């Protein structure tokens, strides 16, 4: 696969997972208000860990959801930090 095509595919995949993470936080907040079946916390964290950390963080802020849970207020920013380090190592490393 051509490097440019691969970069495009990776960018699209990251955009998709971030959109899913953002929407998952919104849907879970909506369900919480209505006492409906909820999205498991492990699923929300997993979405952040597989590349949707920015979408998860934005979803937390936009929907004011999970902002009182340490697992999320510390965990999601920690995931973002680790992902940024990984990108920096692959981009700028030798």
Protein backbone atom coordinates (compact mmCIF):
# COMPACT_ATOMS: atom_id res chain seq x y z
CA UNK A 1 0.00 0.00 0.00
CA UNK A 2 1.30 3.45 -0.89
CA UNK A 3 2.37 5.43 2.24
CA UNK A 4 -0.01 8.31 1.41
CA UNK A 5 -2.92 5.91 1.00
CA UNK A 6 -2.01 4.24 4.29
CA UNK A 7 -1.85 7.61 6.09
CA UNK A 8 -5.26 8.49 4.64
CA UNK A 9 -6.71 5.16 5.80
CA UNK A 10 -5.29 5.63 9.30
CA UNK A 11 -6.67 9.19 9.46
CA UNK A 12 -10.12 7.98 8.39
CA UNK A 13 -10.06 5.16 10.95
CA UNK A 14 -9.07 7.58 13.73
CA UNK A 15 -11.77 10.02 12.68
CA UNK A 16 -14.34 7.22 12.75
CA UNK A 17 -13.34 5.87 16.18
CA UNK A 18 -13.32 9.40 17.62
CA UNK A 19 -16.80 10.05 16.26
CA UNK A 20 -18.02 6.75 17.73
CA UNK A 21 -16.45 7.57 21.11
CA UNK A 22 -17.99 11.05 21.15
CA UNK A 23 -21.43 9.67 20.26
CA UNK A 24 -21.09 6.85 22.80
CA UNK A 25 -20.65 9.37 25.62
CA UNK A 26 -23.68 11.30 24.39
CA UNK A 27 -25.82 8.19 24.08
CA UNK A 28 -24.75 6.93 27.51
CA UNK A 29 -25.64 10.29 29.07
CA UNK A 30 -29.03 10.22 27.35
CA UNK A 31 -29.64 6.69 28.63
CA UNK A 32 -28.51 7.62 32.15
CA UNK A 33 -31.07 10.41 32.34
CA UNK A 34 -33.82 8.00 31.30
CA UNK A 35 -32.73 5.11 33.55
CA UNK A 36 -32.17 2.89 30.53
CA UNK A 37 -29.59 0.20 29.80
CA UNK A 38 -26.15 1.84 29.80
CA UNK A 39 -22.99 1.49 27.79
CA UNK A 40 -20.45 -0.27 30.03
CA UNK A 41 -17.65 1.93 31.37
CA UNK A 42 -15.15 -0.59 30.02
CA UNK A 43 -16.50 0.01 26.51
CA UNK A 44 -16.14 3.78 26.88
CA UNK A 45 -12.54 3.39 28.09
CA UNK A 46 -11.82 0.87 25.31
CA UNK A 47 -13.03 3.34 22.68
CA UNK A 48 -10.59 5.90 24.08
CA UNK A 49 -7.75 3.38 24.19
CA UNK A 50 -8.12 2.23 20.57
CA UNK A 51 -7.68 5.75 19.25
CA UNK A 52 -10.85 7.58 20.22
CA UNK A 53 -9.39 9.43 23.19
CA UNK A 54 -9.95 12.93 21.78
CA UNK A 55 -13.56 12.08 20.91
CA UNK A 56 -14.05 10.57 24.37
CA UNK A 57 -12.64 13.67 26.06
CA UNK A 58 -14.74 16.01 23.92
CA UNK A 59 -17.81 13.85 24.64
CA UNK A 60 -17.14 14.07 28.37
CA UNK A 61 -17.00 17.84 28.15
CA UNK A 62 -19.86 18.36 25.71
CA UNK A 63 -22.31 16.10 27.53
CA UNK A 64 -20.96 16.69 31.07
CA UNK A 65 -20.72 12.94 31.38
CA UNK A 66 -18.36 10.91 33.57
CA UNK A 67 -16.66 14.13 34.68
CA UNK A 68 -16.90 13.12 38.36
CA UNK A 69 -15.29 9.71 37.84
CA UNK A 70 -11.53 9.50 38.40
CA UNK A 71 -11.32 6.59 35.98
CA UNK A 72 -12.36 9.04 33.26
CA UNK A 73 -11.06 12.41 34.47
CA UNK A 74 -7.56 10.97 34.91
CA UNK A 75 -7.76 7.97 32.60
CA UNK A 76 -8.82 9.62 29.35
CA UNK A 77 -6.18 12.40 29.55
CA UNK A 78 -3.59 9.73 30.45
CA UNK A 79 -4.59 7.74 27.37
CA UNK A 80 -4.26 10.89 25.25
CA UNK A 81 -0.76 11.50 26.67
CA UNK A 82 0.37 7.94 25.97
CA UNK A 83 -1.03 8.12 22.44
CA UNK A 84 0.79 11.40 21.80
CA UNK A 85 4.06 9.87 23.00
CA UNK A 86 3.55 6.85 20.72
CA UNK A 87 2.87 9.14 17.73
CA UNK A 88 5.93 11.26 18.55
CA UNK A 89 8.17 8.20 18.81
CA UNK A 90 6.97 6.82 15.48
CA UNK A 91 7.03 10.21 13.77
CA UNK A 92 10.28 11.63 15.13
CA UNK A 93 12.11 8.57 16.45
CA UNK A 94 15.01 7.05 14.62
